[in-house]
C-alpha atoms as a PDB file:
ATOM      1  CA  UNK A   1     -21.428 114.021  45.652  1.00  0.00           C
ATOM      2  CA  UNK A   2     -23.323 111.511  43.515  1.00  0.00           C
ATOM      3  CA  UNK A   3     -23.550 110.913  39.748  1.00  0.00           C
ATOM      4  CA  UNK A   4     -25.757 108.504  37.774  1.00  0.00           C
ATOM      5  CA  UNK A   5     -24.745 107.485  34.266  1.00  0.00           C
ATOM      6  CA  UNK A   6     -26.336 105.015  31.851  1.00  0.00           C
ATOM      7  CA  UNK A   7     -23.855 102.584  30.313  1.00  0.00           C
ATOM      8  CA  UNK A   8     -24.573  99.620  28.011  1.00  0.00           C
ATOM      9  CA  UNK A   9     -27.971  98.762  29.470  1.00  0.00           C
ATOM     10  CA  UNK A  10     -26.880  99.440  33.047  1.00  0.00           C
ATOM     11  CA  UNK A  11     -26.889 102.485  35.287  1.00  0.00           C
ATOM     12  CA  UNK A  12     -23.703 103.323  37.170  1.00  0.00           C
ATOM     13  CA  UNK A  13     -24.223 105.362  40.322  1.00  0.00           C
ATOM     14  CA  UNK A  14     -20.944 106.737  41.668  1.00  0.00           C
ATOM     15  CA  UNK A  15     -20.536 108.467  45.025  1.00  0.00           C
ATOM     16  CA  UNK A  16     -17.621 110.146  46.758  1.00  0.00           C
ATOM     17  CA  UNK A  17     -16.996 110.813  50.422  1.00  0.00           C
ATOM     18  CA  UNK A  18     -14.455 113.073  52.083  1.00  0.00           C
ATOM     19  CA  UNK A  19     -12.206 111.391  54.638  1.00  0.00           C
ATOM     20  CA  UNK A  20     -12.475 112.819  58.153  1.00  0.00           C
ATOM     21  CA  UNK A  21      -9.009 112.136  59.543  1.00  0.00           C
ATOM     22  CA  UNK A  22      -6.914 112.334  56.371  1.00  0.00           C
ATOM     23  CA  UNK A  23      -6.949 114.540  53.300  1.00  0.00           C
ATOM     24  CA  UNK A  24      -8.651 113.020  50.300  1.00  0.00           C
ATOM     25  CA  UNK A  25     -11.789 111.344  49.048  1.00  0.00           C
ATOM     26  CA  UNK A  26     -12.923 107.742  48.630  1.00  0.00           C
ATOM     27  CA  UNK A  27     -15.651 106.398  46.376  1.00  0.00           C
ATOM     28  CA  UNK A  28     -18.072 103.573  45.882  1.00  0.00           C
ATOM     29  CA  UNK A  29     -20.416 102.617  43.110  1.00  0.00           C
ATOM     30  CA  UNK A  30     -23.600 100.749  42.443  1.00  0.00           C
ATOM     31  CA  UNK A  31     -24.347  99.054  39.144  1.00  0.00           C
ATOM     32  CA  UNK A  32     -28.009  98.664  38.291  1.00  0.00           C
ATOM     33  CA  UNK A  33     -28.980  96.066  35.715  1.00  0.00           C
ATOM     34  CA  UNK A  34     -32.437  96.572  34.253  1.00  0.00           C
ATOM     35  CA  UNK A  35     -34.125  93.585  32.630  1.00  0.00           C
ATOM     36  CA  UNK A  36     -37.570  92.059  32.179  1.00  0.00           C
ATOM     37  CA  UNK A  37     -37.626  90.812  35.764  1.00  0.00           C
ATOM     38  CA  UNK A  38     -36.820  94.154  37.377  1.00  0.00           C
ATOM     39  CA  UNK A  39     -33.707  95.869  38.637  1.00  0.00           C
ATOM     40  CA  UNK A  40     -30.682  94.208  40.226  1.00  0.00           C
ATOM     41  CA  UNK A  41     -28.266  96.453  42.138  1.00  0.00           C
ATOM     42  CA  UNK A  42     -24.694  95.453  42.986  1.00  0.00           C
ATOM     43  CA  UNK A  43     -22.427  97.542  45.219  1.00  0.00           C
ATOM     44  CA  UNK A  44     -18.664  97.902  44.747  1.00  0.00           C
ATOM     45  CA  UNK A  45     -16.015  99.802  46.688  1.00  0.00           C
ATOM     46  CA  UNK A  46     -13.309 101.565  44.712  1.00  0.00           C
ATOM     47  CA  UNK A  47      -9.785 101.132  46.117  1.00  0.00           C
ATOM     48  CA  UNK A  48      -7.618 104.168  46.653  1.00  0.00           C
ATOM     49  CA  UNK A  49      -7.796 107.715  47.902  1.00  0.00           C
ATOM     50  CA  UNK A  50      -8.395 110.553  45.457  1.00  0.00           C
ATOM     51  CA  UNK A  51      -7.317 114.189  45.621  1.00  0.00           C
ATOM     52  CA  UNK A  52     -10.764 115.634  44.907  1.00  0.00           C
ATOM     53  CA  UNK A  53     -14.389 114.621  44.858  1.00  0.00           C
ATOM     54  CA  UNK A  54     -14.391 114.952  41.059  1.00  0.00           C
ATOM     55  CA  UNK A  55     -11.460 112.543  40.707  1.00  0.00           C
ATOM     56  CA  UNK A  56     -13.143 110.087  43.088  1.00  0.00           C
ATOM     57  CA  UNK A  57     -16.335 110.173  40.988  1.00  0.00           C
ATOM     58  CA  UNK A  58     -14.355 109.748  37.754  1.00  0.00           C
ATOM     59  CA  UNK A  59     -12.513 106.784  39.254  1.00  0.00           C
ATOM     60  CA  UNK A  60     -15.759 105.141  40.353  1.00  0.00           C
ATOM     61  CA  UNK A  61     -17.453 105.632  36.973  1.00  0.00           C
ATOM     62  CA  UNK A  62     -14.405 104.225  35.162  1.00  0.00           C
ATOM     63  CA  UNK A  63     -14.337 101.257  37.530  1.00  0.00           C
ATOM     64  CA  UNK A  64     -18.051 100.667  36.915  1.00  0.00           C
ATOM     65  CA  UNK A  65     -17.590 100.759  33.141  1.00  0.00           C
ATOM     66  CA  UNK A  66     -14.745  98.257  33.386  1.00  0.00           C
ATOM     67  CA  UNK A  67     -16.876  95.935  35.508  1.00  0.00           C
ATOM     68  CA  UNK A  68     -19.742  96.090  33.004  1.00  0.00           C
ATOM     69  CA  UNK A  69     -17.339  95.507  30.096  1.00  0.00           C
ATOM     70  CA  UNK A  70     -15.831  92.523  31.920  1.00  0.00           C
ATOM     71  CA  UNK A  71     -19.272  90.992  32.529  1.00  0.00           C
ATOM     72  CA  UNK A  72     -19.321  91.289  36.325  1.00  0.00           C
ATOM     73  CA  UNK A  73     -21.292  88.576  38.116  1.00  0.00           C
ATOM     74  CA  UNK A  74     -24.474  89.571  39.910  1.00  0.00           C
ATOM     75  CA  UNK A  75     -24.645  87.883  43.327  1.00  0.00           C
ATOM     76  CA  UNK A  76     -27.402  85.287  43.676  1.00  0.00           C
END
């Protein structure tokens, strides 16, 4: 499952994946920063295992919002 959400001049793309050998879901996210020079995309993994794909997506979106609010550093 994948969700894209605009947030404070960025786009957060959250994805969830079902674990093969254990019950649960994991997630990752990409934060896109759009500016006059183009788009910069930064990938983050979300720690933890979630009980459903919906919870994994919610956790990734929340993590992405926190990173934007904290002023995450875009790799050079």
